[in-house]
Amino acid sequence: MTEIVPFEAEAKLDWIAMARAIEAGHDLPPAQVTDTFLYRGEDTLLNRSAWIEGLGIAVKVATIFPGNQGPSINGAVNLLSDKDGTLEAVVDFHLVTKWKTAADSLLGAMKLARPDSREILIVGAGNVAASLCEAYGAAFPEARFTVWNRSREGAERLKAQHPDIEIAEDLEQAVGRADIVTCATMAKAPVVRGDWLRPGTHLDLIGAFTPHMREADDRALQRARIFVDARATTLDHIGELKIPLEAGAIAREDVVAEFSEPKLFRRGSEDEITLFKNGGGAHLDLMVARHILDRWRAADRS
């Protein structure tokens, strides 16, 4: 029978284990991945499918409607058997998206950020920001969190959920103090400038998901060693890298590694700036959905 896995299943999850599940997923045969986008003005329909031998098939449909009064991103995640193609589970879309998005960035930071990072700046105060507080807090328990948001009201809402977080008034100063800068905005143009980054900073870019969106300027990309979760879902699809590549500001060879290249995916020195582009992808949805289903089933057996 097809299992329905609700959002409440997150009580069985933890962030470090989820990041490790993504890491382990990249030890399996390479994923077959297909993405298609449809647009209507500011609205987006994203269809993502992935097949990993030994793990199964995931089909995720996501709608992004920025003008919604409620959640702007909705959809469905179907997990199908690798053995016979039958539908094993329908996993709550928001659960998969929350844990995939933040755990993807968390794994990047666990590999690239300095282990002694103590100042974490979150740029943007939407739903992803709250997940980032949880995820980064699991790997950097001694860190102090600061948030900067275009509107003070949004930052205050995040602080109501996480009272220990500080609110930054000046983004440039906040970036200059941070060991880790993680961006989760809907920005069309860069909000983080490379000249603001101090040596040793790790920059995590999440928000841009269309060919026209960016969160960091060319200078940030040029100063940093660039890493991605997957070249196939970032270089030619997302403005963060697509635009500077087409303009010649960076070259494809400047992307050092993706998760499937673990020997290359590491910080080279204490002083270098590392940049990670979180592009997502159905292969990550598959890894996360499978881990969620495994934890859900394990809880039922206990």
C-alpha atoms as a PDB file:
ATOM      1  CA  MET A   1       0.000   0.000   0.000  1.00  0.00           C
ATOM      2  CA  THR A   2       1.092   3.554  -0.670  1.00  0.00           C
ATOM      3  CA  GLU A   3       2.127   5.323   2.515  1.00  0.00           C
ATOM      4  CA  ILE A   4       1.185   8.909   3.264  1.00  0.00           C
ATOM      5  CA  VAL A   5       3.971  10.614   5.223  1.00  0.00           C
ATOM      6  CA  PRO A   6       2.736  13.794   6.946  1.00  0.00           C
ATOM      7  CA  PHE A   7       4.689  16.870   7.999  1.00  0.00           C
ATOM      8  CA  GLU A   8       4.582  15.589  11.573  1.00  0.00           C
ATOM      9  CA  ALA A   9       7.175  12.991  10.572  1.00  0.00           C
ATOM     10  CA  GLU A  10       9.846  15.640  11.151  1.00  0.00           C
ATOM     11  CA  ALA A  11       9.722  14.758  14.850  1.00  0.00           C
ATOM     12  CA  LYS A  12      11.699  11.640  13.830  1.00  0.00           C
ATOM     13  CA  LEU A  13      14.404  13.597  11.971  1.00  0.00           C
ATOM     14  CA  ASP A  14      17.623  15.376  12.877  1.00  0.00           C
ATOM     15  CA  TRP A  15      19.711  17.729  10.776  1.00  0.00           C
ATOM     16  CA  ILE A  16      23.101  16.040  10.970  1.00  0.00           C
ATOM     17  CA  ALA A  17      21.635  12.664   9.985  1.00  0.00           C
ATOM     18  CA  MET A  18      19.809  14.278   7.070  1.00  0.00           C
ATOM     19  CA  ALA A  19      22.985  15.948   5.821  1.00  0.00           C
ATOM     20  CA  ARG A  20      24.784  12.617   6.058  1.00  0.00           C
ATOM     21  CA  ALA A  21      21.958  10.937   4.126  1.00  0.00           C
ATOM     22  CA  ILE A  22      22.525  13.422   1.297  1.00  0.00           C
ATOM     23  CA  GLU A  23      26.252  12.734   1.479  1.00  0.00           C
ATOM     24  CA  ALA A  24      25.647   8.968   1.330  1.00  0.00           C
ATOM     25  CA  GLY A  25      23.280   9.397  -1.599  1.00  0.00           C
ATOM     26  CA  HIS A  26      26.157  10.752  -3.653  1.00  0.00           C
ATOM     27  CA  ASP A  27      28.060   7.482  -3.141  1.00  0.00           C
ATOM     28  CA  LEU A  28      25.405   5.682  -5.204  1.00  0.00           C
ATOM     29  CA  PRO A  29      25.357   5.530  -9.028  1.00  0.00           C
ATOM     30  CA  PRO A  30      24.838   8.953 -10.636  1.00  0.00           C
ATOM     31  CA  ALA A  31      21.285  10.204 -10.750  1.00  0.00           C
ATOM     32  CA  GLN A  32      19.316  10.652 -13.916  1.00  0.00           C
ATOM     33  CA  VAL A  33      17.706  14.060 -13.475  1.00  0.00           C
ATOM     34  CA  THR A  34      15.249  16.044 -15.543  1.00  0.00           C
ATOM     35  CA  ASP A  35      13.938  19.524 -14.758  1.00  0.00           C
ATOM     36  CA  THR A  36      11.281  21.455 -16.641  1.00  0.00           C
ATOM     37  CA  PHE A  37      10.096  24.986 -15.950  1.00  0.00           C
ATOM     38  CA  LEU A  38       6.924  26.750 -17.022  1.00  0.00           C
ATOM     39  CA  TYR A  39       6.381  30.459 -16.351  1.00  0.00           C
ATOM     40  CA  ARG A  40       3.425  32.810 -16.140  1.00  0.00           C
ATOM     41  CA  GLY A  41       4.697  36.237 -15.263  1.00  0.00           C
ATOM     42  CA  GLU A  42       6.163  35.961 -11.768  1.00  0.00           C
ATOM     43  CA  ASP A  43       4.647  32.497 -11.222  1.00  0.00           C
ATOM     44  CA  THR A  44       6.624  29.294 -11.840  1.00  0.00           C
ATOM     45  CA  LEU A  45       5.757  25.624 -12.286  1.00  0.00           C
ATOM     46  CA  LEU A  46       8.769  23.390 -11.674  1.00  0.00           C
ATOM     47  CA  ASN A  47       8.703  19.671 -12.431  1.00  0.00           C
ATOM     48  CA  ARG A  48      11.669  17.689 -11.130  1.00  0.00           C
ATOM     49  CA  SER A  49      12.276  13.979 -11.597  1.00  0.00           C
ATOM     50  CA  ALA A  50      15.185  11.794 -10.502  1.00  0.00           C
ATOM     51  CA  TRP A  51      16.124   8.131 -10.636  1.00  0.00           C
ATOM     52  CA  ILE A  52      19.012   6.724  -8.618  1.00  0.00           C
ATOM     53  CA  GLU A  53      19.718   3.027  -8.936  1.00  0.00           C
ATOM     54  CA  GLY A  54      19.316   1.421  -5.534  1.00  0.00           C
ATOM     55  CA  LEU A  55      17.343   4.350  -4.102  1.00  0.00           C
ATOM     56  CA  GLY A  56      14.303   4.720  -6.321  1.00  0.00           C
ATOM     57  CA  ILE A  57      12.467   7.400  -8.253  1.00  0.00           C
ATOM     58  CA  ALA A  58      11.172  10.760  -7.097  1.00  0.00           C
ATOM     59  CA  VAL A  59       8.799  13.036  -8.971  1.00  0.00           C
ATOM     60  CA  LYS A  60       8.371  16.470  -7.429  1.00  0.00           C
ATOM     61  CA  VAL A  61       6.014  19.140  -8.686  1.00  0.00           C
ATOM     62  CA  ALA A  62       6.501  22.608  -7.217  1.00  0.00           C
ATOM     63  CA  THR A  63       4.532  25.797  -7.789  1.00  0.00           C
ATOM     64  CA  ILE A  64       6.114  29.127  -6.856  1.00  0.00           C
ATOM     65  CA  PHE A  65       3.589  31.962  -6.620  1.00  0.00           C
ATOM     66  CA  PRO A  66       5.379  34.943  -4.991  1.00  0.00           C
ATOM     67  CA  GLY A  67       2.158  36.932  -4.707  1.00  0.00           C
ATOM     68  CA  ASN A  68       0.415  34.410  -2.434  1.00  0.00           C
ATOM     69  CA  GLN A  69      -0.809  35.617   0.939  1.00  0.00           C
ATOM     70  CA  GLY A  70      -0.073  32.181   2.359  1.00  0.00           C
ATOM     71  CA  PRO A  71       2.808  29.867   1.413  1.00  0.00           C
ATOM     72  CA  SER A  72       4.291  30.926  -1.924  1.00  0.00           C
ATOM     73  CA  ILE A  73       5.727  27.472  -2.682  1.00  0.00           C
ATOM     74  CA  ASN A  74       3.495  24.390  -2.831  1.00  0.00           C
ATOM     75  CA  GLY A  75       3.393  21.038  -4.607  1.00  0.00           C
ATOM     76  CA  ALA A  76       3.658  17.276  -4.228  1.00  0.00           C
ATOM     77  CA  VAL A  77       6.414  14.644  -3.836  1.00  0.00           C
ATOM     78  CA  ASN A  78       5.915  11.087  -5.073  1.00  0.00           C
ATOM     79  CA  LEU A  79       8.410   8.357  -4.175  1.00  0.00           C
ATOM     80  CA  LEU A  80       8.411   5.276  -6.402  1.00  0.00           C
ATOM     81  CA  SER A  81      10.088   1.899  -6.007  1.00  0.00           C
ATOM     82  CA  ASP A  82      13.370   1.214  -7.764  1.00  0.00           C
ATOM     83  CA  LYS A  83      12.384  -2.451  -7.970  1.00  0.00           C
ATOM     84  CA  ASP A  84       9.034  -2.346  -9.740  1.00  0.00           C
ATOM     85  CA  GLY A  85       8.108   1.318 -10.223  1.00  0.00           C
ATOM     86  CA  THR A  86       5.128   1.211  -7.881  1.00  0.00           C
ATOM     87  CA  LEU A  87       4.211   4.262  -5.814  1.00  0.00           C
ATOM     88  CA  GLU A  88       5.686   3.666  -2.362  1.00  0.00           C
ATOM     89  CA  ALA A  89       4.820   6.925  -0.661  1.00  0.00           C
ATOM     90  CA  VAL A  90       3.490  10.425  -1.007  1.00  0.00           C
ATOM     91  CA  VAL A  91       5.701  12.482   1.297  1.00  0.00           C
ATOM     92  CA  ASP A  92       4.548  15.883   2.493  1.00  0.00           C
ATOM     93  CA  PHE A  93       5.898  18.459   0.031  1.00  0.00           C
ATOM     94  CA  HIS A  94       6.699  21.100   2.635  1.00  0.00           C
ATOM     95  CA  LEU A  95       8.509  18.542   4.806  1.00  0.00           C
ATOM     96  CA  VAL A  96      10.752  17.410   1.937  1.00  0.00           C
ATOM     97  CA  THR A  97      11.389  20.971   0.774  1.00  0.00           C
ATOM     98  CA  LYS A  98      12.242  22.272   4.251  1.00  0.00           C
ATOM     99  CA  TRP A  99      14.686  19.501   5.064  1.00  0.00           C
ATOM    100  CA  LYS A 100      16.185  19.238   1.570  1.00  0.00           C
ATOM    101  CA  THR A 101      16.851  22.960   1.271  1.00  0.00           C
ATOM    102  CA  ALA A 102      18.473  23.515   4.659  1.00  0.00           C
ATOM    103  CA  ALA A 103      20.289  20.151   4.852  1.00  0.00           C
ATOM    104  CA  ASP A 104      21.788  20.706   1.392  1.00  0.00           C
ATOM    105  CA  SER A 105      23.318  23.970   2.576  1.00  0.00           C
ATOM    106  CA  LEU A 106      24.251  22.422   5.911  1.00  0.00           C
ATOM    107  CA  LEU A 107      26.252  19.678   4.197  1.00  0.00           C
ATOM    108  CA  GLY A 108      28.030  22.323   2.128  1.00  0.00           C
ATOM    109  CA  ALA A 109      28.915  24.251   5.283  1.00  0.00           C
ATOM    110  CA  MET A 110      30.028  21.131   7.154  1.00  0.00           C
ATOM    111  CA  LYS A 111      32.526  20.530   4.336  1.00  0.00           C
ATOM    112  CA  LEU A 112      33.553  24.109   3.524  1.00  0.00           C
ATOM    113  CA  ALA A 113      33.039  26.443   6.485  1.00  0.00           C
ATOM    114  CA  ARG A 114      35.695  26.731   9.172  1.00  0.00           C
ATOM    115  CA  PRO A 115      34.762  24.386  12.059  1.00  0.00           C
ATOM    116  CA  ASP A 116      35.353  27.223  14.528  1.00  0.00           C
ATOM    117  CA  SER A 117      32.760  29.498  12.875  1.00  0.00           C
ATOM    118  CA  ARG A 118      30.958  31.475  15.564  1.00  0.00           C
ATOM    119  CA  GLU A 119      29.141  34.270  13.701  1.00  0.00           C
ATOM    120  CA  ILE A 120      26.380  33.202  11.303  1.00  0.00           C
ATOM    121  CA  LEU A 121      24.442  35.792   9.304  1.00  0.00           C
ATOM    122  CA  ILE A 122      21.148  34.870   7.677  1.00  0.00           C
ATOM    123  CA  VAL A 123      20.143  37.193   4.838  1.00  0.00           C
ATOM    124  CA  GLY A 124      16.386  37.021   4.396  1.00  0.00           C
ATOM    125  CA  ALA A 125      13.784  36.200   7.024  1.00  0.00           C
ATOM    126  CA  GLY A 126      11.294  33.950   5.257  1.00  0.00           C
ATOM    127  CA  ASN A 127      10.376  30.352   5.990  1.00  0.00           C
ATOM    128  CA  VAL A 128      13.791  29.040   4.913  1.00  0.00           C
ATOM    129  CA  ALA A 129      15.527  31.309   7.439  1.00  0.00           C
ATOM    130  CA  ALA A 130      13.867  29.521  10.356  1.00  0.00           C
ATOM    131  CA  SER A 131      15.043  26.166   8.974  1.00  0.00           C
ATOM    132  CA  LEU A 132      18.566  27.536   8.626  1.00  0.00           C
ATOM    133  CA  CYS A 133      18.599  28.495  12.301  1.00  0.00           C
ATOM    134  CA  GLU A 134      17.765  24.897  13.193  1.00  0.00           C
ATOM    135  CA  ALA A 135      20.125  23.275  10.699  1.00  0.00           C
ATOM    136  CA  TYR A 136      23.186  25.451  11.237  1.00  0.00           C
ATOM    137  CA  GLY A 137      22.583  25.396  14.983  1.00  0.00           C
ATOM    138  CA  ALA A 138      22.919  21.601  14.928  1.00  0.00           C
ATOM    139  CA  ALA A 139      26.395  21.698  13.348  1.00  0.00           C
ATOM    140  CA  PHE A 140      27.635  24.945  14.941  1.00  0.00           C
ATOM    141  CA  PRO A 141      26.071  24.863  18.432  1.00  0.00           C
ATOM    142  CA  GLU A 142      28.299  27.645  19.784  1.00  0.00           C
ATOM    143  CA  ALA A 143      27.473  30.072  16.974  1.00  0.00           C
ATOM    144  CA  ARG A 144      25.635  33.351  17.396  1.00  0.00           C
ATOM    145  CA  PHE A 145      22.972  34.106  14.776  1.00  0.00           C
ATOM    146  CA  THR A 146      22.158  37.460  13.188  1.00  0.00           C
ATOM    147  CA  VAL A 147      19.469  38.156  10.592  1.00  0.00           C
ATOM    148  CA  TRP A 148      19.185  40.944   8.052  1.00  0.00           C
ATOM    149  CA  ASN A 149      15.976  41.448   6.128  1.00  0.00           C
ATOM    150  CA  ARG A 150      14.748  44.183   3.824  1.00  0.00           C
ATOM    151  CA  SER A 151      11.855  44.817   6.204  1.00  0.00           C
ATOM    152  CA  ARG A 152      12.302  45.049   9.957  1.00  0.00           C
ATOM    153  CA  GLU A 153       8.895  43.401  10.359  1.00  0.00           C
ATOM    154  CA  GLY A 154      10.090  40.173   8.743  1.00  0.00           C
ATOM    155  CA  ALA A 155      13.190  40.067  10.920  1.00  0.00           C
ATOM    156  CA  GLU A 156      11.049  40.577  14.014  1.00  0.00           C
ATOM    157  CA  ARG A 157       8.868  37.619  13.041  1.00  0.00           C
ATOM    158  CA  LEU A 158      11.940  35.392  12.831  1.00  0.00           C
ATOM    159  CA  LYS A 159      13.177  36.685  16.177  1.00  0.00           C
ATOM    160  CA  ALA A 160       9.820  35.783  17.722  1.00  0.00           C
ATOM    161  CA  GLN A 161      10.521  32.162  16.719  1.00  0.00           C
ATOM    162  CA  HIS A 162      14.206  32.304  17.696  1.00  0.00           C
ATOM    163  CA  PRO A 163      14.579  34.870  20.508  1.00  0.00           C
ATOM    164  CA  ASP A 164      18.390  34.537  20.648  1.00  0.00           C
ATOM    165  CA  ILE A 165      18.835  35.823  17.115  1.00  0.00           C
ATOM    166  CA  GLU A 166      20.045  39.403  16.681  1.00  0.00           C
ATOM    167  CA  ILE A 167      18.714  41.786  14.044  1.00  0.00           C
ATOM    168  CA  ALA A 168      21.241  43.616  11.862  1.00  0.00           C
ATOM    169  CA  GLU A 169      20.478  47.101  10.624  1.00  0.00           C
ATOM    170  CA  ASP A 170      23.438  47.423   8.239  1.00  0.00           C
ATOM    171  CA  LEU A 171      24.007  44.539   5.823  1.00  0.00           C
ATOM    172  CA  GLU A 172      27.547  45.486   4.855  1.00  0.00           C
ATOM    173  CA  GLN A 173      28.692  45.584   8.473  1.00  0.00           C
ATOM    174  CA  ALA A 174      26.894  42.320   9.267  1.00  0.00           C
ATOM    175  CA  VAL A 175      28.540  40.528   6.326  1.00  0.00           C
ATOM    176  CA  GLY A 176      31.932  41.870   7.393  1.00  0.00           C
ATOM    177  CA  ARG A 177      31.548  40.351  10.883  1.00  0.00           C
ATOM    178  CA  ALA A 178      30.248  36.952   9.770  1.00  0.00           C
ATOM    179  CA  ASP A 179      32.103  33.651   9.511  1.00  0.00           C
ATOM    180  CA  ILE A 180      29.180  32.169   7.576  1.00  0.00           C
ATOM    181  CA  VAL A 181      26.741  34.142   5.427  1.00  0.00           C
ATOM    182  CA  THR A 182      23.699  32.198   4.269  1.00  0.00           C
ATOM    183  CA  CYS A 183      21.278  33.882   1.863  1.00  0.00           C
ATOM    184  CA  ALA A 184      17.679  32.820   1.326  1.00  0.00           C
ATOM    185  CA  THR A 185      15.958  35.682  -0.475  1.00  0.00           C
ATOM    186  CA  MET A 186      13.792  36.233  -3.529  1.00  0.00           C
ATOM    187  CA  ALA A 187      16.269  38.808  -4.857  1.00  0.00           C
ATOM    188  CA  LYS A 188      16.475  39.430  -8.591  1.00  0.00           C
ATOM    189  CA  ALA A 189      19.709  41.436  -8.243  1.00  0.00           C
ATOM    190  CA  PRO A 190      22.715  40.853  -5.950  1.00  0.00           C
ATOM    191  CA  VAL A 191      22.327  41.858  -2.307  1.00  0.00           C
ATOM    192  CA  VAL A 192      25.712  40.587  -1.056  1.00  0.00           C
ATOM    193  CA  ARG A 193      28.841  42.293  -2.359  1.00  0.00           C
ATOM    194  CA  GLY A 194      32.113  40.429  -2.635  1.00  0.00           C
ATOM    195  CA  ASP A 195      34.117  43.357  -1.277  1.00  0.00           C
ATOM    196  CA  TRP A 196      32.271  42.991   2.036  1.00  0.00           C
ATOM    197  CA  LEU A 197      33.507  39.424   2.637  1.00  0.00           C
ATOM    198  CA  ARG A 198      36.456  38.962   4.957  1.00  0.00           C
ATOM    199  CA  PRO A 199      39.045  36.198   4.453  1.00  0.00           C
ATOM    200  CA  GLY A 200      37.857  32.799   5.675  1.00  0.00           C
ATOM    201  CA  THR A 201      34.149  33.484   5.165  1.00  0.00           C
ATOM    202  CA  HIS A 202      31.810  30.802   3.841  1.00  0.00           C
ATOM    203  CA  LEU A 203      29.030  32.164   1.611  1.00  0.00           C
ATOM    204  CA  ASP A 204      25.957  29.972   1.144  1.00  0.00           C
ATOM    205  CA  LEU A 205      23.545  31.026  -1.641  1.00  0.00           C
ATOM    206  CA  ILE A 206      20.082  29.471  -1.642  1.00  0.00           C
ATOM    207  CA  GLY A 207      17.462  31.867  -2.953  1.00  0.00           C
ATOM    208  CA  ALA A 208      18.063  32.168  -6.709  1.00  0.00           C
ATOM    209  CA  PHE A 209      16.229  29.454  -8.635  1.00  0.00           C
ATOM    210  CA  THR A 210      15.445  31.025 -12.037  1.00  0.00           C
ATOM    211  CA  PRO A 211      17.756  32.155 -14.871  1.00  0.00           C
ATOM    212  CA  HIS A 212      17.215  35.791 -13.860  1.00  0.00           C
ATOM    213  CA  MET A 213      17.825  35.669 -10.102  1.00  0.00           C
ATOM    214  CA  ARG A 214      21.035  36.410  -8.184  1.00  0.00           C
ATOM    215  CA  GLU A 215      22.018  37.014  -4.549  1.00  0.00           C
ATOM    216  CA  ALA A 216      25.771  37.736  -4.867  1.00  0.00           C
ATOM    217  CA  ASP A 217      27.689  39.973  -7.265  1.00  0.00           C
ATOM    218  CA  ASP A 218      30.474  39.051  -9.669  1.00  0.00           C
ATOM    219  CA  ARG A 219      33.116  40.189  -7.185  1.00  0.00           C
ATOM    220  CA  ALA A 220      31.933  37.598  -4.637  1.00  0.00           C
ATOM    221  CA  LEU A 221      32.246  34.840  -7.215  1.00  0.00           C
ATOM    222  CA  GLN A 222      35.667  36.061  -8.316  1.00  0.00           C
ATOM    223  CA  ARG A 223      37.053  36.251  -4.780  1.00  0.00           C
ATOM    224  CA  ALA A 224      35.757  32.839  -3.741  1.00  0.00           C
ATOM    225  CA  ARG A 225      36.433  29.205  -4.550  1.00  0.00           C
ATOM    226  CA  ILE A 226      33.081  28.113  -5.981  1.00  0.00           C
ATOM    227  CA  PHE A 227      31.292  24.870  -5.131  1.00  0.00           C
ATOM    228  CA  VAL A 228      27.829  23.606  -6.109  1.00  0.00           C
ATOM    229  CA  ASP A 229      25.598  20.754  -5.073  1.00  0.00           C
ATOM    230  CA  ALA A 230      25.364  19.695  -8.740  1.00  0.00           C
ATOM    231  CA  ARG A 231      26.665  21.336 -11.900  1.00  0.00           C
ATOM    232  CA  ALA A 232      23.748  19.955 -13.919  1.00  0.00           C
ATOM    233  CA  THR A 233      21.156  21.896 -11.919  1.00  0.00           C
ATOM    234  CA  THR A 234      23.060  25.138 -11.376  1.00  0.00           C
ATOM    235  CA  LEU A 235      25.453  26.259 -14.101  1.00  0.00           C
ATOM    236  CA  ASP A 236      23.047  26.605 -17.015  1.00  0.00           C
ATOM    237  CA  HIS A 237      19.753  27.032 -15.192  1.00  0.00           C
ATOM    238  CA  ILE A 238      20.187  29.510 -12.339  1.00  0.00           C
ATOM    239  CA  GLY A 239      21.155  33.150 -12.763  1.00  0.00           C
ATOM    240  CA  GLU A 240      23.583  33.034  -9.844  1.00  0.00           C
ATOM    241  CA  LEU A 241      26.087  31.258 -12.097  1.00  0.00           C
ATOM    242  CA  LYS A 242      24.466  31.405 -15.534  1.00  0.00           C
ATOM    243  CA  ILE A 243      24.640  35.207 -15.795  1.00  0.00           C
ATOM    244  CA  PRO A 244      28.310  35.654 -14.796  1.00  0.00           C
ATOM    245  CA  LEU A 245      29.302  32.660 -16.934  1.00  0.00           C
ATOM    246  CA  GLU A 246      27.646  34.162 -19.998  1.00  0.00           C
ATOM    247  CA  ALA A 247      29.199  37.563 -19.248  1.00  0.00           C
ATOM    248  CA  GLY A 248      32.674  36.066 -18.856  1.00  0.00           C
ATOM    249  CA  ALA A 249      33.002  37.200 -15.234  1.00  0.00           C
ATOM    250  CA  ILE A 250      33.797  33.584 -14.302  1.00  0.00           C
ATOM    251  CA  ALA A 251      34.557  30.407 -16.265  1.00  0.00           C
ATOM    252  CA  ARG A 252      33.100  26.934 -15.881  1.00  0.00           C
ATOM    253  CA  GLU A 253      36.512  25.789 -14.673  1.00  0.00           C
ATOM    254  CA  ASP A 254      36.144  28.115 -11.664  1.00  0.00           C
ATOM    255  CA  VAL A 255      33.565  25.723 -10.203  1.00  0.00           C
ATOM    256  CA  VAL A 256      35.855  23.530  -8.111  1.00  0.00           C
ATOM    257  CA  ALA A 257      33.563  20.616  -7.298  1.00  0.00           C
ATOM    258  CA  GLU A 258      30.085  19.253  -6.725  1.00  0.00           C
ATOM    259  CA  PHE A 259      28.952  16.834  -4.014  1.00  0.00           C
ATOM    260  CA  SER A 260      29.721  13.817  -6.209  1.00  0.00           C
ATOM    261  CA  GLU A 261      33.428  14.765  -6.049  1.00  0.00           C
ATOM    262  CA  PRO A 262      34.133  14.403  -2.312  1.00  0.00           C
ATOM    263  CA  LYS A 263      37.934  14.496  -2.623  1.00  0.00           C
ATOM    264  CA  LEU A 264      37.752  17.960  -4.204  1.00  0.00           C
ATOM    265  CA  PHE A 265      34.897  19.259  -2.099  1.00  0.00           C
ATOM    266  CA  ARG A 266      36.820  20.822   0.787  1.00  0.00           C
ATOM    267  CA  ARG A 267      38.304  24.058   2.052  1.00  0.00           C
ATOM    268  CA  GLY A 268      41.888  24.616   0.967  1.00  0.00           C
ATOM    269  CA  SER A 269      43.030  27.095   3.620  1.00  0.00           C
ATOM    270  CA  GLU A 270      41.825  29.022   6.662  1.00  0.00           C
ATOM    271  CA  ASP A 271      41.830  32.335   4.797  1.00  0.00           C
ATOM    272  CA  GLU A 272      40.126  31.428   1.559  1.00  0.00           C
ATOM    273  CA  ILE A 273      36.549  32.483   0.867  1.00  0.00           C
ATOM    274  CA  THR A 274      34.313  29.565  -0.065  1.00  0.00           C
ATOM    275  CA  LEU A 275      31.041  29.928  -1.948  1.00  0.00           C
ATOM    276  CA  PHE A 276      28.386  27.227  -2.178  1.00  0.00           C
ATOM    277  CA  LYS A 277      25.430  27.459  -4.551  1.00  0.00           C
ATOM    278  CA  ASN A 278      22.484  25.444  -3.325  1.00  0.00           C
ATOM    279  CA  GLY A 279      20.652  24.620  -6.546  1.00  0.00           C
ATOM    280  CA  GLY A 280      18.475  21.826  -5.252  1.00  0.00           C
ATOM    281  CA  GLY A 281      17.376  19.173  -7.697  1.00  0.00           C
ATOM    282  CA  ALA A 282      15.158  16.134  -7.772  1.00  0.00           C
ATOM    283  CA  HIS A 283      18.077  13.852  -6.881  1.00  0.00           C
ATOM    284  CA  LEU A 284      18.238  15.635  -3.511  1.00  0.00           C
ATOM    285  CA  ASP A 285      14.466  15.402  -3.113  1.00  0.00           C
ATOM    286  CA  LEU A 286      14.812  11.670  -3.706  1.00  0.00           C
ATOM    287  CA  MET A 287      17.594  11.264  -1.130  1.00  0.00           C
ATOM    288  CA  VAL A 288      15.667  13.278   1.444  1.00  0.00           C
ATOM    289  CA  ALA A 289      12.284  11.668   0.781  1.00  0.00           C
ATOM    290  CA  ARG A 290      13.823   8.195   1.051  1.00  0.00           C
ATOM    291  CA  HIS A 291      15.490   9.091   4.362  1.00  0.00           C
ATOM    292  CA  ILE A 292      12.217  10.503   5.682  1.00  0.00           C
ATOM    293  CA  LEU A 293      10.325   7.362   4.664  1.00  0.00           C
ATOM    294  CA  ASP A 294      12.970   5.143   6.285  1.00  0.00           C
ATOM    295  CA  ARG A 295      12.769   7.110   9.557  1.00  0.00           C
ATOM    296  CA  TRP A 296       8.951   7.050   9.423  1.00  0.00           C
ATOM    297  CA  ARG A 297       8.905   3.289   8.962  1.00  0.00           C
ATOM    298  CA  ALA A 298      11.520   2.795  11.697  1.00  0.00           C
ATOM    299  CA  ALA A 299       9.355   4.795  14.091  1.00  0.00           C
ATOM    300  CA  ASP A 300       6.366   2.588  13.299  1.00  0.00           C
ATOM    301  CA  ARG A 301       8.398  -0.526  14.117  1.00  0.00           C
ATOM    302  CA  SER A 302       9.665   0.803  17.439  1.00  0.00           C
END
